[in-house]
Amino acid sequence: MKKFLVPVSWSVSTWVEVEAEDIDEAAHEASGVDLDLMPDPEYVGDSFEINYEDIQEVPQPHVDPDIVGDFSTWDKMPGGF
């Protein structure tokens, strides 16, 4: 079976408390808050999206059948197996 990398995104919302002189400064300060410190983010309903244009198949490594899988002489190696 093939493997794919599928780019997905979704939105969350929460409130952050900032100190500011006015609404514009408050918005500016909120945009600089560390995302890892945001309290209790909640999923925004119906915001999950798949970017179909950027789906990529995961490349499978090429396996040389003449090299892989022949373990017939392992028992003759020093120390044995």
C-alpha atoms as a PDB file:
ATOM      1  CA  MET A   1       0.000   0.000   0.000  1.00  0.00           C
ATOM      2  CA  LYS A   2       1.255   3.509  -0.798  1.00  0.00           C
ATOM      3  CA  LYS A   3       1.885   6.237   1.790  1.00  0.00           C
ATOM      4  CA  PHE A   4       1.022   9.919   1.345  1.00  0.00           C
ATOM      5  CA  LEU A   5       1.821  13.198   3.079  1.00  0.00           C
ATOM      6  CA  VAL A   6      -1.460  15.101   3.321  1.00  0.00           C
ATOM      7  CA  PRO A   7      -1.290  18.768   4.364  1.00  0.00           C
ATOM      8  CA  VAL A   8      -4.111  19.651   6.745  1.00  0.00           C
ATOM      9  CA  SER A   9      -5.043  22.738   8.726  1.00  0.00           C
ATOM     10  CA  TRP A  10      -7.669  23.812  11.222  1.00  0.00           C
ATOM     11  CA  SER A  11      -8.447  26.783  13.422  1.00  0.00           C
ATOM     12  CA  VAL A  12      -8.634  27.150  17.168  1.00  0.00           C
ATOM     13  CA  SER A  13      -9.780  30.093  19.234  1.00  0.00           C
ATOM     14  CA  THR A  14      -9.156  31.355  22.744  1.00  0.00           C
ATOM     15  CA  TRP A  15      -8.827  34.595  24.699  1.00  0.00           C
ATOM     16  CA  VAL A  16      -5.555  36.203  25.721  1.00  0.00           C
ATOM     17  CA  GLU A  17      -5.163  38.944  28.297  1.00  0.00           C
ATOM     18  CA  VAL A  18      -2.803  41.786  27.429  1.00  0.00           C
ATOM     19  CA  GLU A  19      -2.014  45.225  28.804  1.00  0.00           C
ATOM     20  CA  ALA A  20      -2.371  48.132  26.373  1.00  0.00           C
ATOM     21  CA  GLU A  21      -3.342  51.800  26.080  1.00  0.00           C
ATOM     22  CA  ASP A  22      -6.023  51.230  23.408  1.00  0.00           C
ATOM     23  CA  ILE A  23      -7.672  48.615  21.193  1.00  0.00           C
ATOM     24  CA  ASP A  24      -5.076  48.887  18.417  1.00  0.00           C
ATOM     25  CA  GLU A  25      -2.216  48.341  20.842  1.00  0.00           C
ATOM     26  CA  ALA A  26      -4.129  45.456  22.462  1.00  0.00           C
ATOM     27  CA  ALA A  27      -4.519  43.763  19.081  1.00  0.00           C
ATOM     28  CA  HIS A  28      -0.811  44.298  18.394  1.00  0.00           C
ATOM     29  CA  GLU A  29       0.167  42.830  21.778  1.00  0.00           C
ATOM     30  CA  ALA A  30      -2.164  39.834  21.299  1.00  0.00           C
ATOM     31  CA  SER A  31      -0.539  39.009  17.974  1.00  0.00           C
ATOM     32  CA  GLY A  32       2.803  38.608  19.765  1.00  0.00           C
ATOM     33  CA  VAL A  33       1.628  36.126  22.413  1.00  0.00           C
ATOM     34  CA  ASP A  34       3.486  32.793  22.417  1.00  0.00           C
ATOM     35  CA  LEU A  35       1.104  30.241  20.900  1.00  0.00           C
ATOM     36  CA  ASP A  36       2.259  27.567  23.355  1.00  0.00           C
ATOM     37  CA  LEU A  37       1.073  29.721  26.255  1.00  0.00           C
ATOM     38  CA  MET A  38      -2.464  30.337  24.983  1.00  0.00           C
ATOM     39  CA  PRO A  39      -5.018  29.039  27.491  1.00  0.00           C
ATOM     40  CA  ASP A  40      -7.501  26.311  26.558  1.00  0.00           C
ATOM     41  CA  PRO A  41      -7.713  26.678  22.784  1.00  0.00           C
ATOM     42  CA  GLU A  42     -10.946  25.316  21.324  1.00  0.00           C
ATOM     43  CA  TYR A  43     -11.417  23.827  17.853  1.00  0.00           C
ATOM     44  CA  VAL A  44     -13.403  26.088  15.515  1.00  0.00           C
ATOM     45  CA  GLY A  45     -16.162  23.938  14.051  1.00  0.00           C
ATOM     46  CA  ASP A  46     -15.950  23.060  10.345  1.00  0.00           C
ATOM     47  CA  SER A  47     -12.466  24.588  10.058  1.00  0.00           C
ATOM     48  CA  PHE A  48     -10.602  21.346   9.195  1.00  0.00           C
ATOM     49  CA  GLU A  49      -9.287  21.550   5.634  1.00  0.00           C
ATOM     50  CA  ILE A  50      -7.201  19.364   3.337  1.00  0.00           C
ATOM     51  CA  ASN A  51      -4.931  21.017   0.774  1.00  0.00           C
ATOM     52  CA  TYR A  52      -5.498  18.565  -2.097  1.00  0.00           C
ATOM     53  CA  GLU A  53      -3.076  20.385  -4.416  1.00  0.00           C
ATOM     54  CA  ASP A  54      -0.086  19.674  -2.157  1.00  0.00           C
ATOM     55  CA  ILE A  55      -0.688  15.977  -1.374  1.00  0.00           C
ATOM     56  CA  GLN A  56       2.521  14.065  -2.040  1.00  0.00           C
ATOM     57  CA  GLU A  57       3.229  10.373  -2.352  1.00  0.00           C
ATOM     58  CA  VAL A  58       5.992   9.225  -0.006  1.00  0.00           C
ATOM     59  CA  PRO A  59       8.796   7.835  -2.175  1.00  0.00           C
ATOM     60  CA  GLN A  60       9.503   4.168  -1.639  1.00  0.00           C
ATOM     61  CA  PRO A  61      13.168   3.187  -1.472  1.00  0.00           C
ATOM     62  CA  HIS A  62      14.418   1.145  -4.407  1.00  0.00           C
ATOM     63  CA  VAL A  63      15.285  -2.383  -3.308  1.00  0.00           C
ATOM     64  CA  ASP A  64      17.745  -4.387  -5.425  1.00  0.00           C
ATOM     65  CA  PRO A  65      16.381  -7.963  -5.378  1.00  0.00           C
ATOM     66  CA  ASP A  66      19.878  -9.348  -6.092  1.00  0.00           C
ATOM     67  CA  ILE A  67      21.229  -7.891  -2.834  1.00  0.00           C
ATOM     68  CA  VAL A  68      18.345  -8.030  -0.388  1.00  0.00           C
ATOM     69  CA  GLY A  69      17.038 -11.226   1.094  1.00  0.00           C
ATOM     70  CA  ASP A  70      19.926 -13.673   0.557  1.00  0.00           C
ATOM     71  CA  PHE A  71      20.938 -14.807   4.028  1.00  0.00           C
ATOM     72  CA  SER A  72      22.073 -18.269   2.944  1.00  0.00           C
ATOM     73  CA  THR A  73      25.691 -17.803   4.057  1.00  0.00           C
ATOM     74  CA  TRP A  74      25.087 -16.153   7.422  1.00  0.00           C
ATOM     75  CA  ASP A  75      25.562 -19.443   9.269  1.00  0.00           C
ATOM     76  CA  LYS A  76      29.121 -19.622   7.865  1.00  0.00           C
ATOM     77  CA  MET A  77      30.128 -16.219   9.279  1.00  0.00           C
ATOM     78  CA  PRO A  78      32.568 -16.177  12.217  1.00  0.00           C
ATOM     79  CA  GLY A  79      30.487 -16.433  15.355  1.00  0.00           C
ATOM     80  CA  GLY A  80      27.511 -17.787  13.405  1.00  0.00           C
ATOM     81  CA  PHE A  81      23.936 -16.618  13.579  1.00  0.00           C
END
